[in-house]
Amino acid sequence: MLRPQQPPFNFPTLLTLTRLILAPVILPFLLVALLPYNLLPVNVILAIIFAGFGLTDYFDGYFARKLDQVTSLGRLLDPVADKLLLTSTLIALVAIGEFWFYWAIIWISRDLFVMALRQRAAEQRMTLNVSSYAKIKTAAQLVCLTFVILNPMHAYGLLEHPGWNMTELFLMLTATTLTITSAYRYYFAYVKQCVVDSQNKENTN
């Protein structure tokens, strides 16, 4: 029995569109305009806003499955919204000196690499599914950036305020390690599928 076609716009898709449209427009402006004042109450509000946008990544998928409202449009927009949220936030933080540019290059390069890998796999009629490891990586990045936005002691050294800055460094190293290793895991999965596909073609000949 065929399932009825889902309407393209529903509650989960609206959550995705909120992240897609509002996050890269509002959040970078707020970060660049307000975060340099380095006031803890302001930092807390900005961190809550960022975390709220980040949580929509979980809730849109959760409600899509819970309400049986998974759509092709939602599948298409969700990763785009994720990348825009991450990239726009990184650019804003780098612009005001709150995030080291090299970390940002690694994070953004990983996303571009995986996107290219997915495109190549699609051209070969293969699928690279989102792994649980990649979801952990995304969660680690969101936690890291939330703490970077929250941290009022970023301008001081590690020894002056080790509680804040050592925690931030630990989260950055953890998120960056997961970012690099998740890219490798995607590449390994792609190569493995290529080998299996090649073997299947040889067996049919």
C-alpha atoms as a PDB file:
ATOM      1  CA  MET A   1       0.000   0.000   0.000  1.00  0.00           C
ATOM      2  CA  LEU A   2       1.392   3.360  -1.058  1.00  0.00           C
ATOM      3  CA  ARG A   3       1.877   5.984   1.620  1.00  0.00           C
ATOM      4  CA  PRO A   4       0.107   9.309   0.953  1.00  0.00           C
ATOM      5  CA  GLN A   5       2.439  11.990  -0.305  1.00  0.00           C
ATOM      6  CA  GLN A   6       3.453  14.419   2.421  1.00  0.00           C
ATOM      7  CA  PRO A   7       2.832  18.154   1.854  1.00  0.00           C
ATOM      8  CA  PRO A   8       6.152  19.945   1.282  1.00  0.00           C
ATOM      9  CA  PHE A   9       5.598  22.418   4.132  1.00  0.00           C
ATOM     10  CA  ASN A  10       4.855  21.129   7.613  1.00  0.00           C
ATOM     11  CA  PHE A  11       5.997  21.864  11.166  1.00  0.00           C
ATOM     12  CA  PRO A  12       9.406  20.081  10.911  1.00  0.00           C
ATOM     13  CA  THR A  13      10.120  21.793   7.589  1.00  0.00           C
ATOM     14  CA  LEU A  14       9.197  25.177   9.090  1.00  0.00           C
ATOM     15  CA  LEU A  15      11.746  24.563  11.866  1.00  0.00           C
ATOM     16  CA  THR A  16      14.366  23.847   9.219  1.00  0.00           C
ATOM     17  CA  LEU A  17      13.396  26.987   7.275  1.00  0.00           C
ATOM     18  CA  THR A  18      13.683  29.033  10.469  1.00  0.00           C
ATOM     19  CA  ARG A  19      17.270  27.867  10.888  1.00  0.00           C
ATOM     20  CA  LEU A  20      17.966  28.264   7.172  1.00  0.00           C
ATOM     21  CA  ILE A  21      16.691  31.841   6.833  1.00  0.00           C
ATOM     22  CA  LEU A  22      16.989  33.506  10.239  1.00  0.00           C
ATOM     23  CA  ALA A  23      20.219  32.007  11.592  1.00  0.00           C
ATOM     24  CA  PRO A  24      22.635  33.327   8.920  1.00  0.00           C
ATOM     25  CA  VAL A  25      20.856  36.703   8.807  1.00  0.00           C
ATOM     26  CA  ILE A  26      20.236  37.584  12.463  1.00  0.00           C
ATOM     27  CA  LEU A  27      22.857  35.657  14.424  1.00  0.00           C
ATOM     28  CA  PRO A  28      26.070  36.966  12.755  1.00  0.00           C
ATOM     29  CA  PHE A  29      24.804  40.560  13.060  1.00  0.00           C
ATOM     30  CA  LEU A  30      24.093  40.105  16.781  1.00  0.00           C
ATOM     31  CA  LEU A  31      27.457  38.444  17.386  1.00  0.00           C
ATOM     32  CA  VAL A  32      29.476  41.113  15.589  1.00  0.00           C
ATOM     33  CA  ALA A  33      27.487  43.987  17.141  1.00  0.00           C
ATOM     34  CA  LEU A  34      27.216  42.780  20.737  1.00  0.00           C
ATOM     35  CA  LEU A  35      29.796  40.104  21.580  1.00  0.00           C
ATOM     36  CA  PRO A  36      32.812  42.509  21.546  1.00  0.00           C
ATOM     37  CA  TYR A  37      31.327  44.269  24.605  1.00  0.00           C
ATOM     38  CA  ASN A  38      32.152  41.034  26.465  1.00  0.00           C
ATOM     39  CA  LEU A  39      29.392  41.358  29.048  1.00  0.00           C
ATOM     40  CA  LEU A  40      28.345  38.053  30.601  1.00  0.00           C
ATOM     41  CA  PRO A  41      24.558  38.759  30.531  1.00  0.00           C
ATOM     42  CA  VAL A  42      24.805  39.665  26.833  1.00  0.00           C
ATOM     43  CA  ASN A  43      26.967  36.598  26.155  1.00  0.00           C
ATOM     44  CA  VAL A  44      24.396  34.391  27.887  1.00  0.00           C
ATOM     45  CA  ILE A  45      21.577  35.743  25.703  1.00  0.00           C
ATOM     46  CA  LEU A  46      23.632  35.287  22.511  1.00  0.00           C
ATOM     47  CA  ALA A  47      24.612  31.757  23.542  1.00  0.00           C
ATOM     48  CA  ILE A  48      20.945  30.892  24.190  1.00  0.00           C
ATOM     49  CA  ILE A  49      19.956  32.245  20.762  1.00  0.00           C
ATOM     50  CA  PHE A  50      22.665  30.207  19.054  1.00  0.00           C
ATOM     51  CA  ALA A  51      21.820  27.075  21.042  1.00  0.00           C
ATOM     52  CA  GLY A  52      18.146  27.566  20.172  1.00  0.00           C
ATOM     53  CA  PHE A  53      18.937  27.619  16.456  1.00  0.00           C
ATOM     54  CA  GLY A  54      21.167  24.579  16.935  1.00  0.00           C
ATOM     55  CA  LEU A  55      18.443  22.636  18.755  1.00  0.00           C
ATOM     56  CA  THR A  56      16.092  23.039  15.795  1.00  0.00           C
ATOM     57  CA  ASP A  57      18.444  20.636  14.000  1.00  0.00           C
ATOM     58  CA  TYR A  58      17.413  17.954  16.488  1.00  0.00           C
ATOM     59  CA  PHE A  59      13.745  18.841  16.783  1.00  0.00           C
ATOM     60  CA  ASP A  60      13.001  19.071  13.057  1.00  0.00           C
ATOM     61  CA  GLY A  61      14.241  15.511  12.580  1.00  0.00           C
ATOM     62  CA  TYR A  62      12.539  14.309  15.754  1.00  0.00           C
ATOM     63  CA  PHE A  63       9.127  15.725  14.849  1.00  0.00           C
ATOM     64  CA  ALA A  64       9.454  14.621  11.216  1.00  0.00           C
ATOM     65  CA  ARG A  65       9.829  11.014  12.396  1.00  0.00           C
ATOM     66  CA  LYS A  66       7.376  11.321  15.296  1.00  0.00           C
ATOM     67  CA  LEU A  67       4.622  12.868  13.177  1.00  0.00           C
ATOM     68  CA  ASP A  68       5.499  10.797  10.106  1.00  0.00           C
ATOM     69  CA  GLN A  69       6.165  13.994   8.158  1.00  0.00           C
ATOM     70  CA  VAL A  70       9.495  13.194   6.505  1.00  0.00           C
ATOM     71  CA  THR A  71       9.633  14.973   3.135  1.00  0.00           C
ATOM     72  CA  SER A  72      12.130  15.204   0.317  1.00  0.00           C
ATOM     73  CA  LEU A  73      12.192  18.988   0.788  1.00  0.00           C
ATOM     74  CA  GLY A  74      13.095  18.570   4.447  1.00  0.00           C
ATOM     75  CA  ARG A  75      15.869  16.121   3.592  1.00  0.00           C
ATOM     76  CA  LEU A  76      17.219  18.626   1.066  1.00  0.00           C
ATOM     77  CA  LEU A  77      17.066  21.733   3.252  1.00  0.00           C
ATOM     78  CA  ASP A  78      18.228  20.254   6.572  1.00  0.00           C
ATOM     79  CA  PRO A  79      21.946  19.834   5.733  1.00  0.00           C
ATOM     80  CA  VAL A  80      21.985  23.200   3.951  1.00  0.00           C
ATOM     81  CA  ALA A  81      20.536  24.894   7.043  1.00  0.00           C
ATOM     82  CA  ASP A  82      23.133  23.164   9.234  1.00  0.00           C
ATOM     83  CA  LYS A  83      25.995  24.364   7.071  1.00  0.00           C
ATOM     84  CA  LEU A  84      24.686  27.941   6.935  1.00  0.00           C
ATOM     85  CA  LEU A  85      24.281  28.093  10.713  1.00  0.00           C
ATOM     86  CA  LEU A  86      27.785  26.766  11.298  1.00  0.00           C
ATOM     87  CA  THR A  87      29.531  28.776   8.576  1.00  0.00           C
ATOM     88  CA  SER A  88      27.850  32.105   9.327  1.00  0.00           C
ATOM     89  CA  THR A  89      28.595  31.745  13.038  1.00  0.00           C
ATOM     90  CA  LEU A  90      32.240  30.837  12.391  1.00  0.00           C
ATOM     91  CA  ILE A  91      32.724  33.800  10.053  1.00  0.00           C
ATOM     92  CA  ALA A  92      31.227  36.182  12.624  1.00  0.00           C
ATOM     93  CA  LEU A  93      33.393  34.800  15.446  1.00  0.00           C
ATOM     94  CA  VAL A  94      36.552  34.959  13.334  1.00  0.00           C
ATOM     95  CA  ALA A  95      35.710  38.532  12.307  1.00  0.00           C
ATOM     96  CA  ILE A  96      35.667  39.698  15.945  1.00  0.00           C
ATOM     97  CA  GLY A  97      38.659  37.607  17.019  1.00  0.00           C
ATOM     98  CA  GLU A  98      36.727  35.101  19.156  1.00  0.00           C
ATOM     99  CA  PHE A  99      37.649  32.049  17.086  1.00  0.00           C
ATOM    100  CA  TRP A 100      40.977  31.085  15.550  1.00  0.00           C
ATOM    101  CA  PHE A 101      40.679  31.248  11.768  1.00  0.00           C
ATOM    102  CA  TYR A 102      42.508  27.934  11.259  1.00  0.00           C
ATOM    103  CA  TRP A 103      39.904  26.020  13.271  1.00  0.00           C
ATOM    104  CA  ALA A 104      37.244  27.629  11.074  1.00  0.00           C
ATOM    105  CA  ILE A 105      39.069  26.608   7.885  1.00  0.00           C
ATOM    106  CA  ILE A 106      39.230  22.989   9.079  1.00  0.00           C
ATOM    107  CA  TRP A 107      35.545  22.883  10.028  1.00  0.00           C
ATOM    108  CA  ILE A 108      34.293  24.514   6.826  1.00  0.00           C
ATOM    109  CA  SER A 109      36.672  22.487   4.630  1.00  0.00           C
ATOM    110  CA  ARG A 110      35.356  19.275   6.171  1.00  0.00           C
ATOM    111  CA  ASP A 111      31.782  20.200   5.249  1.00  0.00           C
ATOM    112  CA  LEU A 112      32.764  21.092   1.684  1.00  0.00           C
ATOM    113  CA  PHE A 113      34.708  17.829   1.375  1.00  0.00           C
ATOM    114  CA  VAL A 114      31.774  15.725   2.571  1.00  0.00           C
ATOM    115  CA  MET A 115      29.355  17.606   0.301  1.00  0.00           C
ATOM    116  CA  ALA A 116      31.609  16.912  -2.685  1.00  0.00           C
ATOM    117  CA  LEU A 117      31.916  13.278  -1.626  1.00  0.00           C
ATOM    118  CA  ARG A 118      28.129  12.942  -1.390  1.00  0.00           C
ATOM    119  CA  GLN A 119      27.731  14.506  -4.826  1.00  0.00           C
ATOM    120  CA  ARG A 120      30.254  12.090  -6.308  1.00  0.00           C
ATOM    121  CA  ALA A 121      28.546   9.156  -4.607  1.00  0.00           C
ATOM    122  CA  ALA A 122      25.159  10.285  -5.963  1.00  0.00           C
ATOM    123  CA  GLU A 123      26.597  10.435  -9.484  1.00  0.00           C
ATOM    124  CA  GLN A 124      27.662   6.806  -9.020  1.00  0.00           C
ATOM    125  CA  ARG A 125      24.225   5.930  -7.620  1.00  0.00           C
ATOM    126  CA  MET A 126      25.594   5.305  -4.155  1.00  0.00           C
ATOM    127  CA  THR A 127      24.335   6.691  -0.857  1.00  0.00           C
ATOM    128  CA  LEU A 128      26.391   7.998   2.037  1.00  0.00           C
ATOM    129  CA  ASN A 129      24.034   7.986   4.998  1.00  0.00           C
ATOM    130  CA  VAL A 130      24.505  10.323   7.944  1.00  0.00           C
ATOM    131  CA  SER A 131      26.276   8.304  10.627  1.00  0.00           C
ATOM    132  CA  SER A 132      25.824   8.521  14.373  1.00  0.00           C
ATOM    133  CA  TYR A 133      29.471   9.613  14.533  1.00  0.00           C
ATOM    134  CA  ALA A 134      28.658  12.622  12.345  1.00  0.00           C
ATOM    135  CA  LYS A 135      25.772  13.511  14.652  1.00  0.00           C
ATOM    136  CA  ILE A 136      28.135  13.406  17.629  1.00  0.00           C
ATOM    137  CA  LYS A 137      30.504  15.684  15.699  1.00  0.00           C
ATOM    138  CA  THR A 138      27.710  18.170  15.050  1.00  0.00           C
ATOM    139  CA  ALA A 139      26.685  18.124  18.711  1.00  0.00           C
ATOM    140  CA  ALA A 140      30.308  18.708  19.770  1.00  0.00           C
ATOM    141  CA  GLN A 141      30.606  21.674  17.385  1.00  0.00           C
ATOM    142  CA  LEU A 142      27.393  23.222  18.686  1.00  0.00           C
ATOM    143  CA  VAL A 143      28.486  22.801  22.310  1.00  0.00           C
ATOM    144  CA  CYS A 144      31.899  24.264  21.501  1.00  0.00           C
ATOM    145  CA  LEU A 145      30.510  27.334  19.724  1.00  0.00           C
ATOM    146  CA  THR A 146      27.937  27.886  22.449  1.00  0.00           C
ATOM    147  CA  PHE A 147      30.723  27.965  25.020  1.00  0.00           C
ATOM    148  CA  VAL A 148      32.890  30.240  22.851  1.00  0.00           C
ATOM    149  CA  ILE A 149      30.009  32.714  22.636  1.00  0.00           C
ATOM    150  CA  LEU A 150      29.358  32.410  26.369  1.00  0.00           C
ATOM    151  CA  ASN A 151      32.982  32.756  27.520  1.00  0.00           C
ATOM    152  CA  PRO A 152      33.607  36.297  28.911  1.00  0.00           C
ATOM    153  CA  MET A 153      37.302  35.587  29.569  1.00  0.00           C
ATOM    154  CA  HIS A 154      38.337  34.794  26.013  1.00  0.00           C
ATOM    155  CA  ALA A 155      40.646  37.827  25.798  1.00  0.00           C
ATOM    156  CA  TYR A 156      42.708  36.623  28.775  1.00  0.00           C
ATOM    157  CA  GLY A 157      45.318  33.867  28.814  1.00  0.00           C
ATOM    158  CA  LEU A 158      44.891  30.254  29.846  1.00  0.00           C
ATOM    159  CA  LEU A 159      46.685  30.805  33.160  1.00  0.00           C
ATOM    160  CA  GLU A 160      44.689  33.891  34.138  1.00  0.00           C
ATOM    161  CA  HIS A 161      41.297  32.209  33.795  1.00  0.00           C
ATOM    162  CA  PRO A 162      41.980  28.488  33.330  1.00  0.00           C
ATOM    163  CA  GLY A 163      38.418  27.429  34.185  1.00  0.00           C
ATOM    164  CA  TRP A 164      36.877  29.230  31.232  1.00  0.00           C
ATOM    165  CA  ASN A 165      39.716  29.122  28.727  1.00  0.00           C
ATOM    166  CA  MET A 166      40.960  25.580  29.352  1.00  0.00           C
ATOM    167  CA  THR A 167      37.390  24.345  28.980  1.00  0.00           C
ATOM    168  CA  GLU A 168      37.062  26.270  25.718  1.00  0.00           C
ATOM    169  CA  LEU A 169      40.355  24.836  24.428  1.00  0.00           C
ATOM    170  CA  PHE A 170      39.295  21.303  25.365  1.00  0.00           C
ATOM    171  CA  LEU A 171      35.960  21.709  23.542  1.00  0.00           C
ATOM    172  CA  MET A 172      37.699  23.145  20.471  1.00  0.00           C
ATOM    173  CA  LEU A 173      40.215  20.284  20.304  1.00  0.00           C
ATOM    174  CA  THR A 174      37.474  17.700  20.817  1.00  0.00           C
ATOM    175  CA  ALA A 175      35.204  19.193  18.152  1.00  0.00           C
ATOM    176  CA  THR A 176      38.072  19.607  15.679  1.00  0.00           C
ATOM    177  CA  THR A 177      39.263  16.037  16.223  1.00  0.00           C
ATOM    178  CA  LEU A 178      35.739  14.735  15.604  1.00  0.00           C
ATOM    179  CA  THR A 179      35.476  16.984  12.541  1.00  0.00           C
ATOM    180  CA  ILE A 180      38.628  15.538  10.967  1.00  0.00           C
ATOM    181  CA  THR A 181      37.932  11.916  11.870  1.00  0.00           C
ATOM    182  CA  SER A 182      34.317  12.104  10.661  1.00  0.00           C
ATOM    183  CA  ALA A 183      35.577  13.290   7.261  1.00  0.00           C
ATOM    184  CA  TYR A 184      37.916  10.299   7.155  1.00  0.00           C
ATOM    185  CA  ARG A 185      35.082   7.941   8.084  1.00  0.00           C
ATOM    186  CA  TYR A 186      32.931   9.304   5.259  1.00  0.00           C
ATOM    187  CA  TYR A 187      35.810   8.865   2.820  1.00  0.00           C
ATOM    188  CA  PHE A 188      36.443   5.332   4.068  1.00  0.00           C
ATOM    189  CA  ALA A 189      32.730   4.497   3.656  1.00  0.00           C
ATOM    190  CA  TYR A 190      32.798   5.896   0.115  1.00  0.00           C
ATOM    191  CA  VAL A 191      35.903   3.908  -0.853  1.00  0.00           C
ATOM    192  CA  LYS A 192      34.382   0.760   0.669  1.00  0.00           C
ATOM    193  CA  GLN A 193      31.225   1.185  -1.390  1.00  0.00           C
ATOM    194  CA  CYS A 194      33.311   1.747  -4.519  1.00  0.00           C
ATOM    195  CA  VAL A 195      35.187  -1.514  -3.890  1.00  0.00           C
ATOM    196  CA  VAL A 196      31.948  -3.446  -3.292  1.00  0.00           C
ATOM    197  CA  ASP A 197      30.378  -1.932  -6.396  1.00  0.00           C
ATOM    198  CA  SER A 198      33.434  -2.830  -8.477  1.00  0.00           C
ATOM    199  CA  GLN A 199      33.379  -6.411  -7.195  1.00  0.00           C
ATOM    200  CA  ASN A 200      29.673  -6.748  -7.955  1.00  0.00           C
ATOM    201  CA  LYS A 201      30.258  -5.572 -11.528  1.00  0.00           C
ATOM    202  CA  GLU A 202      33.069  -8.088 -11.964  1.00  0.00           C
ATOM    203  CA  ASN A 203      30.861 -10.892 -10.666  1.00  0.00           C
ATOM    204  CA  THR A 204      28.072 -10.047 -13.110  1.00  0.00           C
ATOM    205  CA  ASN A 205      30.431 -10.062 -16.095  1.00  0.00           C
END
